[in-house]
Amino acid sequence: MKIKIISVGKIKEKYLEGGINEYIKRLTPYIKLKLIEVPDEKAPENLTVNELRQVLTIEGSKIMSKIAQNDYVISLAIKGKEKNSEQLADFFNKHMIYNGRDIVFVIGGSNGLSKEVIDRSNELLSFSNFTFPHQLMRLILLEQIYRSFKIIKNEPYHK
């Protein structure tokens, strides 16, 4: 199975880079993983509605250019459906058996995701009602993908 994670912006914090690299290494035996960063659009702190729409449209176009027609797209969104670790593992397991398409997770920037990306998504997934920094979400997502494959393989999860 191939999983792509498309995210807006670069990781700047060394501690996040270290955690992300650790989970990439841990996932290597289970899946083919590709992390894709698209540049965030520079914008003032207080955006007007039109400026926000323009930023989201530009970032959305960059995201959409990385999504293939046959990809199964899961966008992370506060208004998405919540799953626990076992449900996410079950999704991956069923997807591997019955579907076979590449899975693409999309993590938007600090302003969220464009309507175009939301509309292209096969699913919206929420990790919590809390708002997390989008850079931290990469690490959290990778950890949950890793946990899912440990569950699927019935292997212990070492803390």
N, C-alpha and C. Protein backbone atom coordinates (compact mmCIF):
# COMPACT_ATOMS: atom_id res chain seq x y z
N MET A 1 0.84 -1.18 0.00
CA MET A 1 0.00 0.00 0.00
C MET A 1 0.89 1.23 0.00
N LYS A 2 0.42 2.25 -0.70
CA LYS A 2 1.15 3.51 -0.73
C LYS A 2 0.29 4.58 -0.07
N ILE A 3 0.90 5.32 0.82
CA ILE A 3 0.23 6.43 1.49
C ILE A 3 1.04 7.69 1.23
N LYS A 4 0.32 8.73 0.79
CA LYS A 4 0.94 10.04 0.62
C LYS A 4 0.32 10.98 1.65
N ILE A 5 1.15 11.85 2.19
CA ILE A 5 0.67 12.91 3.06
C ILE A 5 1.06 14.22 2.41
N ILE A 6 0.05 14.97 2.01
CA ILE A 6 0.27 16.28 1.42
C ILE A 6 -0.02 17.32 2.49
N SER A 7 0.94 18.18 2.74
CA SER A 7 0.74 19.19 3.78
C SER A 7 1.26 20.54 3.31
N VAL A 8 0.62 21.56 3.85
CA VAL A 8 0.97 22.93 3.50
C VAL A 8 2.04 23.44 4.47
N GLY A 9 3.10 24.01 3.93
CA GLY A 9 4.14 24.61 4.75
C GLY A 9 5.27 23.65 5.09
N LYS A 10 6.35 24.24 5.52
CA LYS A 10 7.55 23.48 5.89
C LYS A 10 7.61 23.27 7.40
N ILE A 11 8.25 22.18 7.78
CA ILE A 11 8.52 21.93 9.19
C ILE A 11 9.78 22.71 9.54
N LYS A 12 9.69 23.55 10.56
CA LYS A 12 10.83 24.37 10.96
C LYS A 12 11.43 23.91 12.28
N GLU A 13 10.63 23.27 13.09
CA GLU A 13 11.07 22.88 14.43
C GLU A 13 11.82 21.55 14.38
N LYS A 14 13.01 21.52 14.96
CA LYS A 14 13.85 20.33 14.95
C LYS A 14 13.19 19.16 15.68
N TYR A 15 12.49 19.44 16.79
CA TYR A 15 11.88 18.36 17.55
C TYR A 15 10.77 17.68 16.73
N LEU A 16 10.05 18.44 15.91
CA LEU A 16 9.05 17.83 15.05
C LEU A 16 9.70 17.03 13.92
N GLU A 17 10.76 17.59 13.35
CA GLU A 17 11.50 16.87 12.31
C GLU A 17 11.99 15.53 12.82
N GLY A 18 12.53 15.52 14.04
CA GLY A 18 13.04 14.29 14.63
C GLY A 18 11.94 13.26 14.82
N GLY A 19 10.79 13.68 15.33
CA GLY A 19 9.68 12.76 15.52
C GLY A 19 9.13 12.24 14.20
N ILE A 20 9.00 13.12 13.23
CA ILE A 20 8.50 12.72 11.91
C ILE A 20 9.45 11.70 11.28
N ASN A 21 10.74 11.98 11.34
CA ASN A 21 11.72 11.04 10.76
C ASN A 21 11.70 9.70 11.46
N GLU A 22 11.48 9.70 12.77
CA GLU A 22 11.39 8.44 13.52
C GLU A 22 10.21 7.59 13.04
N TYR A 23 9.05 8.22 12.85
CA TYR A 23 7.89 7.45 12.40
C TYR A 23 7.98 7.05 10.94
N ILE A 24 8.65 7.84 10.12
CA ILE A 24 8.89 7.43 8.74
C ILE A 24 9.72 6.15 8.75
N LYS A 25 10.75 6.11 9.58
CA LYS A 25 11.60 4.93 9.70
C LYS A 25 10.80 3.73 10.19
N ARG A 26 9.96 3.93 11.20
CA ARG A 26 9.16 2.84 11.75
C ARG A 26 8.14 2.30 10.75
N LEU A 27 7.65 3.15 9.87
CA LEU A 27 6.63 2.74 8.91
C LEU A 27 7.21 2.01 7.69
N THR A 28 8.50 2.12 7.47
CA THR A 28 9.13 1.54 6.28
C THR A 28 8.79 0.06 6.06
N PRO A 29 8.76 -0.79 7.10
CA PRO A 29 8.43 -2.20 6.84
C PRO A 29 6.97 -2.44 6.43
N TYR A 30 6.10 -1.49 6.66
CA TYR A 30 4.68 -1.71 6.46
C TYR A 30 4.12 -1.12 5.17
N ILE A 31 4.57 0.07 4.81
CA ILE A 31 3.96 0.79 3.68
C ILE A 31 5.02 1.58 2.92
N LYS A 32 4.63 1.97 1.71
CA LYS A 32 5.40 2.96 0.97
C LYS A 32 4.79 4.31 1.33
N LEU A 33 5.62 5.20 1.81
CA LEU A 33 5.15 6.48 2.32
C LEU A 33 5.84 7.60 1.56
N LYS A 34 5.05 8.59 1.19
CA LYS A 34 5.61 9.77 0.53
C LYS A 34 5.04 11.00 1.21
N LEU A 35 5.92 11.87 1.69
CA LEU A 35 5.51 13.15 2.27
C LEU A 35 5.74 14.24 1.25
N ILE A 36 4.70 15.02 1.01
CA ILE A 36 4.76 16.09 0.02
C ILE A 36 4.42 17.40 0.71
N GLU A 37 5.31 18.36 0.63
CA GLU A 37 5.05 19.69 1.17
C GLU A 37 4.76 20.65 0.02
N VAL A 38 3.69 21.40 0.18
CA VAL A 38 3.43 22.48 -0.77
C VAL A 38 3.62 23.79 -0.03
N PRO A 39 4.15 24.81 -0.68
CA PRO A 39 4.41 26.07 0.02
C PRO A 39 3.12 26.73 0.50
N ASP A 40 3.19 27.30 1.69
CA ASP A 40 2.04 28.06 2.16
C ASP A 40 2.06 29.43 1.51
N GLU A 41 0.89 29.99 1.37
CA GLU A 41 0.75 31.31 0.76
C GLU A 41 0.93 32.36 1.85
N LYS A 42 1.83 33.27 1.63
CA LYS A 42 2.07 34.34 2.60
C LYS A 42 0.85 35.25 2.67
N ALA A 43 0.44 35.53 3.89
CA ALA A 43 -0.76 36.35 4.08
C ALA A 43 -0.65 37.13 5.37
N PRO A 44 -1.31 38.28 5.42
CA PRO A 44 -1.30 39.07 6.67
C PRO A 44 -2.05 38.32 7.78
N GLU A 45 -1.80 38.71 9.01
CA GLU A 45 -2.41 38.07 10.17
C GLU A 45 -3.94 38.15 10.14
N ASN A 46 -4.46 39.33 9.88
CA ASN A 46 -5.91 39.52 9.85
C ASN A 46 -6.39 39.61 8.41
N LEU A 47 -6.92 38.51 7.90
CA LEU A 47 -7.36 38.46 6.51
C LEU A 47 -8.82 38.87 6.38
N THR A 48 -9.12 39.54 5.29
CA THR A 48 -10.52 39.77 4.96
C THR A 48 -11.06 38.45 4.40
N VAL A 49 -12.36 38.35 4.25
CA VAL A 49 -12.97 37.15 3.71
C VAL A 49 -12.44 36.86 2.30
N ASN A 50 -12.32 37.91 1.49
CA ASN A 50 -11.82 37.73 0.13
C ASN A 50 -10.35 37.30 0.11
N GLU A 51 -9.55 37.88 0.99
CA GLU A 51 -8.13 37.49 1.07
C GLU A 51 -8.00 36.04 1.52
N LEU A 52 -8.81 35.64 2.49
CA LEU A 52 -8.79 34.26 2.97
C LEU A 52 -9.16 33.31 1.85
N ARG A 53 -10.20 33.62 1.13
CA ARG A 53 -10.64 32.78 0.01
C ARG A 53 -9.52 32.66 -1.03
N GLN A 54 -8.84 33.79 -1.31
CA GLN A 54 -7.76 33.78 -2.29
C GLN A 54 -6.59 32.91 -1.81
N VAL A 55 -6.21 33.02 -0.54
CA VAL A 55 -5.13 32.20 0.02
C VAL A 55 -5.49 30.72 -0.07
N LEU A 56 -6.71 30.38 0.34
CA LEU A 56 -7.13 28.99 0.31
C LEU A 56 -7.18 28.45 -1.12
N THR A 57 -7.60 29.28 -2.05
CA THR A 57 -7.66 28.86 -3.45
C THR A 57 -6.27 28.56 -3.99
N ILE A 58 -5.32 29.42 -3.70
CA ILE A 58 -3.94 29.21 -4.18
C ILE A 58 -3.35 27.96 -3.54
N GLU A 59 -3.47 27.82 -2.21
CA GLU A 59 -2.96 26.62 -1.56
C GLU A 59 -3.69 25.38 -2.05
N GLY A 60 -4.99 25.50 -2.25
CA GLY A 60 -5.78 24.37 -2.74
C GLY A 60 -5.34 23.91 -4.11
N SER A 61 -5.00 24.84 -4.99
CA SER A 61 -4.50 24.48 -6.32
C SER A 61 -3.19 23.72 -6.23
N LYS A 62 -2.33 24.14 -5.31
CA LYS A 62 -1.06 23.44 -5.12
C LYS A 62 -1.30 22.02 -4.61
N ILE A 63 -2.24 21.87 -3.68
CA ILE A 63 -2.58 20.55 -3.15
C ILE A 63 -3.17 19.67 -4.26
N MET A 64 -4.14 20.23 -4.98
CA MET A 64 -4.82 19.45 -6.02
C MET A 64 -3.85 18.96 -7.10
N SER A 65 -2.79 19.72 -7.35
CA SER A 65 -1.82 19.30 -8.37
C SER A 65 -1.05 18.06 -7.96
N LYS A 66 -1.10 17.71 -6.69
CA LYS A 66 -0.37 16.54 -6.17
C LYS A 66 -1.27 15.31 -6.00
N ILE A 67 -2.56 15.46 -6.28
CA ILE A 67 -3.52 14.38 -6.11
C ILE A 67 -3.82 13.76 -7.47
N ALA A 68 -3.67 12.43 -7.56
CA ALA A 68 -4.00 11.72 -8.79
C ALA A 68 -5.50 11.42 -8.84
N GLN A 69 -5.99 11.20 -10.02
CA GLN A 69 -7.42 10.97 -10.22
C GLN A 69 -7.93 9.78 -9.41
N ASN A 70 -7.12 8.74 -9.30
CA ASN A 70 -7.56 7.51 -8.64
C ASN A 70 -7.25 7.47 -7.14
N ASP A 71 -6.62 8.50 -6.60
CA ASP A 71 -6.27 8.52 -5.18
C ASP A 71 -7.52 8.55 -4.31
N TYR A 72 -7.43 7.89 -3.16
CA TYR A 72 -8.47 7.97 -2.14
C TYR A 72 -8.02 9.05 -1.17
N VAL A 73 -8.75 10.16 -1.11
CA VAL A 73 -8.30 11.36 -0.40
C VAL A 73 -9.03 11.50 0.94
N ILE A 74 -8.24 11.64 1.98
CA ILE A 74 -8.76 11.88 3.33
C ILE A 74 -8.17 13.21 3.80
N SER A 75 -9.04 14.20 3.94
CA SER A 75 -8.57 15.51 4.41
C SER A 75 -8.83 15.63 5.90
N LEU A 76 -7.84 16.16 6.60
CA LEU A 76 -8.00 16.39 8.04
C LEU A 76 -8.76 17.69 8.22
N ALA A 77 -9.86 17.61 8.95
CA ALA A 77 -10.72 18.77 9.13
C ALA A 77 -11.43 18.65 10.47
N ILE A 78 -11.56 19.74 11.18
CA ILE A 78 -12.23 19.73 12.48
C ILE A 78 -13.65 19.19 12.35
N LYS A 79 -14.31 19.46 11.25
CA LYS A 79 -15.69 19.01 11.06
C LYS A 79 -15.77 17.60 10.48
N GLY A 80 -14.63 16.91 10.41
CA GLY A 80 -14.63 15.55 9.89
C GLY A 80 -15.13 14.56 10.93
N LYS A 81 -15.17 13.30 10.51
CA LYS A 81 -15.59 12.21 11.38
C LYS A 81 -14.40 11.78 12.25
N GLU A 82 -14.66 11.54 13.51
CA GLU A 82 -13.61 11.05 14.40
C GLU A 82 -13.56 9.53 14.34
N LYS A 83 -12.36 8.98 14.41
CA LYS A 83 -12.14 7.54 14.47
C LYS A 83 -11.17 7.28 15.61
N ASN A 84 -11.31 6.13 16.25
CA ASN A 84 -10.29 5.75 17.21
C ASN A 84 -9.22 4.92 16.48
N SER A 85 -8.19 4.53 17.18
CA SER A 85 -7.06 3.84 16.54
C SER A 85 -7.48 2.52 15.90
N GLU A 86 -8.36 1.79 16.54
CA GLU A 86 -8.82 0.52 15.99
C GLU A 86 -9.64 0.73 14.72
N GLN A 87 -10.46 1.77 14.70
CA GLN A 87 -11.25 2.06 13.50
C GLN A 87 -10.36 2.49 12.34
N LEU A 88 -9.31 3.25 12.62
CA LEU A 88 -8.38 3.64 11.57
C LEU A 88 -7.64 2.41 11.04
N ALA A 89 -7.23 1.53 11.94
CA ALA A 89 -6.56 0.29 11.53
C ALA A 89 -7.50 -0.55 10.67
N ASP A 90 -8.76 -0.65 11.06
CA ASP A 90 -9.75 -1.41 10.29
C ASP A 90 -9.93 -0.80 8.90
N PHE A 91 -9.95 0.53 8.82
CA PHE A 91 -10.04 1.19 7.52
C PHE A 91 -8.87 0.79 6.63
N PHE A 92 -7.63 0.88 7.15
CA PHE A 92 -6.46 0.53 6.36
C PHE A 92 -6.52 -0.93 5.92
N ASN A 93 -6.90 -1.81 6.82
CA ASN A 93 -6.96 -3.24 6.52
C ASN A 93 -7.97 -3.52 5.40
N LYS A 94 -9.16 -2.96 5.52
CA LYS A 94 -10.18 -3.16 4.48
C LYS A 94 -9.75 -2.51 3.17
N HIS A 95 -9.12 -1.36 3.25
CA HIS A 95 -8.67 -0.66 2.05
C HIS A 95 -7.64 -1.50 1.30
N MET A 96 -6.73 -2.12 2.04
CA MET A 96 -5.70 -2.95 1.41
C MET A 96 -6.33 -4.15 0.71
N ILE A 97 -7.35 -4.73 1.32
CA ILE A 97 -7.97 -5.94 0.78
C ILE A 97 -8.89 -5.63 -0.39
N TYR A 98 -9.74 -4.62 -0.25
CA TYR A 98 -10.81 -4.41 -1.21
C TYR A 98 -10.61 -3.27 -2.20
N ASN A 99 -9.75 -2.34 -1.88
CA ASN A 99 -9.69 -1.14 -2.71
C ASN A 99 -8.39 -1.04 -3.49
N GLY A 100 -7.29 -0.97 -2.80
CA GLY A 100 -5.99 -0.94 -3.46
C GLY A 100 -5.53 0.40 -3.99
N ARG A 101 -6.38 1.42 -3.96
CA ARG A 101 -5.95 2.74 -4.43
C ARG A 101 -4.99 3.35 -3.41
N ASP A 102 -4.13 4.25 -3.90
CA ASP A 102 -3.27 4.99 -2.99
C ASP A 102 -4.13 5.85 -2.07
N ILE A 103 -3.72 5.96 -0.83
CA ILE A 103 -4.40 6.81 0.13
C ILE A 103 -3.61 8.09 0.26
N VAL A 104 -4.31 9.21 0.19
CA VAL A 104 -3.69 10.52 0.34
C VAL A 104 -4.34 11.22 1.52
N PHE A 105 -3.53 11.58 2.49
CA PHE A 105 -3.99 12.43 3.59
C PHE A 105 -3.60 13.86 3.26
N VAL A 106 -4.51 14.78 3.52
CA VAL A 106 -4.24 16.20 3.26
C VAL A 106 -4.33 16.96 4.57
N ILE A 107 -3.26 17.70 4.86
CA ILE A 107 -3.22 18.58 6.03
C ILE A 107 -3.08 20.00 5.51
N GLY A 108 -4.09 20.81 5.76
CA GLY A 108 -4.08 22.19 5.29
C GLY A 108 -3.15 23.05 6.12
N GLY A 109 -3.04 24.29 5.72
CA GLY A 109 -2.24 25.26 6.44
C GLY A 109 -3.02 25.87 7.59
N SER A 110 -2.49 26.93 8.14
CA SER A 110 -3.11 27.55 9.31
C SER A 110 -4.49 28.14 9.01
N ASN A 111 -4.80 28.35 7.74
CA ASN A 111 -6.12 28.89 7.38
C ASN A 111 -7.12 27.81 6.96
N GLY A 112 -6.69 26.56 6.96
CA GLY A 112 -7.60 25.47 6.61
C GLY A 112 -7.42 25.01 5.18
N LEU A 113 -8.51 24.48 4.61
CA LEU A 113 -8.49 23.91 3.26
C LEU A 113 -9.52 24.60 2.37
N SER A 114 -9.21 24.63 1.09
CA SER A 114 -10.13 25.22 0.12
C SER A 114 -11.34 24.32 -0.09
N LYS A 115 -12.40 24.91 -0.59
CA LYS A 115 -13.61 24.15 -0.92
C LYS A 115 -13.29 23.09 -1.97
N GLU A 116 -12.40 23.41 -2.90
CA GLU A 116 -12.02 22.46 -3.95
C GLU A 116 -11.41 21.19 -3.35
N VAL A 117 -10.54 21.35 -2.37
CA VAL A 117 -9.91 20.19 -1.73
C VAL A 117 -10.95 19.42 -0.92
N ILE A 118 -11.77 20.12 -0.16
CA ILE A 118 -12.82 19.47 0.63
C ILE A 118 -13.74 18.67 -0.29
N ASP A 119 -14.15 19.27 -1.41
CA ASP A 119 -15.05 18.59 -2.34
C ASP A 119 -14.40 17.38 -2.99
N ARG A 120 -13.09 17.41 -3.20
CA ARG A 120 -12.38 16.27 -3.81
C ARG A 120 -12.17 15.13 -2.82
N SER A 121 -12.27 15.42 -1.55
CA SER A 121 -12.00 14.42 -0.51
C SER A 121 -13.05 13.32 -0.51
N ASN A 122 -12.58 12.09 -0.35
CA ASN A 122 -13.49 10.97 -0.16
C ASN A 122 -13.99 10.92 1.27
N GLU A 123 -13.17 11.43 2.19
CA GLU A 123 -13.53 11.47 3.61
C GLU A 123 -12.92 12.71 4.24
N LEU A 124 -13.59 13.18 5.30
CA LEU A 124 -13.01 14.19 6.17
C LEU A 124 -12.79 13.52 7.51
N LEU A 125 -11.59 13.66 8.05
CA LEU A 125 -11.21 13.00 9.29
C LEU A 125 -10.82 14.05 10.32
N SER A 126 -11.36 13.91 11.52
CA SER A 126 -11.01 14.80 12.62
C SER A 126 -10.30 14.00 13.69
N PHE A 127 -9.23 14.54 14.20
CA PHE A 127 -8.53 13.91 15.31
C PHE A 127 -9.05 14.39 16.65
N SER A 128 -9.76 15.51 16.64
CA SER A 128 -10.24 16.07 17.90
C SER A 128 -11.00 17.35 17.61
N ASN A 129 -11.75 17.80 18.59
CA ASN A 129 -12.34 19.13 18.49
C ASN A 129 -11.32 20.22 18.79
N PHE A 130 -10.17 19.81 19.33
CA PHE A 130 -9.09 20.76 19.56
C PHE A 130 -8.50 21.19 18.22
N THR A 131 -7.91 22.36 18.19
CA THR A 131 -7.16 22.81 17.03
C THR A 131 -5.68 22.57 17.29
N PHE A 132 -5.02 21.88 16.36
CA PHE A 132 -3.59 21.60 16.49
C PHE A 132 -2.83 22.37 15.42
N PRO A 133 -1.59 22.77 15.70
CA PRO A 133 -0.77 23.36 14.64
C PRO A 133 -0.61 22.34 13.51
N HIS A 134 -0.69 22.82 12.27
CA HIS A 134 -0.64 21.89 11.16
C HIS A 134 0.69 21.13 11.08
N GLN A 135 1.78 21.73 11.56
CA GLN A 135 3.06 21.01 11.57
C GLN A 135 3.01 19.84 12.55
N LEU A 136 2.41 20.05 13.70
CA LEU A 136 2.29 18.98 14.70
C LEU A 136 1.38 17.87 14.20
N MET A 137 0.37 18.20 13.40
CA MET A 137 -0.55 17.19 12.88
C MET A 137 0.17 16.16 12.04
N ARG A 138 1.24 16.55 11.37
CA ARG A 138 1.99 15.55 10.58
C ARG A 138 2.53 14.46 11.48
N LEU A 139 3.08 14.87 12.61
CA LEU A 139 3.63 13.90 13.56
C LEU A 139 2.52 13.04 14.15
N ILE A 140 1.43 13.65 14.55
CA ILE A 140 0.31 12.91 15.14
C ILE A 140 -0.25 11.92 14.12
N LEU A 141 -0.43 12.35 12.88
CA LEU A 141 -0.95 11.47 11.83
C LEU A 141 -0.02 10.29 11.60
N LEU A 142 1.28 10.55 11.48
CA LEU A 142 2.23 9.47 11.26
C LEU A 142 2.21 8.47 12.42
N GLU A 143 2.11 8.97 13.65
CA GLU A 143 2.05 8.06 14.80
C GLU A 143 0.81 7.19 14.72
N GLN A 144 -0.32 7.77 14.33
CA GLN A 144 -1.56 6.98 14.25
C GLN A 144 -1.52 5.97 13.10
N ILE A 145 -0.90 6.32 12.00
CA ILE A 145 -0.73 5.36 10.90
C ILE A 145 0.14 4.20 11.38
N TYR A 146 1.23 4.51 12.05
CA TYR A 146 2.11 3.47 12.59
C TYR A 146 1.36 2.58 13.57
N ARG A 147 0.62 3.18 14.49
CA ARG A 147 -0.17 2.43 15.47
C ARG A 147 -1.16 1.51 14.75
N SER A 148 -1.77 2.02 13.69
CA SER A 148 -2.74 1.22 12.93
C SER A 148 -2.09 -0.05 12.37
N PHE A 149 -0.91 0.08 11.82
CA PHE A 149 -0.26 -1.09 11.23
C PHE A 149 0.25 -2.05 12.30
N LYS A 150 0.59 -1.56 13.46
CA LYS A 150 0.93 -2.45 14.57
C LYS A 150 -0.32 -3.24 14.99
N ILE A 151 -1.48 -2.58 15.01
CA ILE A 151 -2.74 -3.25 15.34
C ILE A 151 -3.07 -4.30 14.29
N ILE A 152 -2.97 -3.93 13.01
CA ILE A 152 -3.27 -4.86 11.92
C ILE A 152 -2.41 -6.11 12.00
N LYS A 153 -1.12 -5.94 12.29
CA LYS A 153 -0.18 -7.05 12.35
C LYS A 153 -0.20 -7.77 13.70
N ASN A 154 -1.07 -7.28 14.60
CA ASN A 154 -1.16 -7.85 15.95
C ASN A 154 0.20 -7.86 16.65
N GLU A 155 0.93 -6.79 16.46
CA GLU A 155 2.25 -6.62 17.08
C GLU A 155 2.13 -5.68 18.26
N PRO A 156 2.96 -5.88 19.28
CA PRO A 156 2.91 -4.96 20.42
C PRO A 156 3.38 -3.56 20.01
N TYR A 157 2.79 -2.58 20.64
CA TYR A 157 3.18 -1.20 20.40
C TYR A 157 4.08 -0.77 21.54
N HIS A 158 5.34 -0.56 21.23
CA HIS A 158 6.30 -0.15 22.28
C HIS A 158 6.24 1.35 22.47
N LYS A 159 6.08 1.75 23.68
CA LYS A 159 5.94 3.17 23.99
C LYS A 159 7.28 3.83 24.20
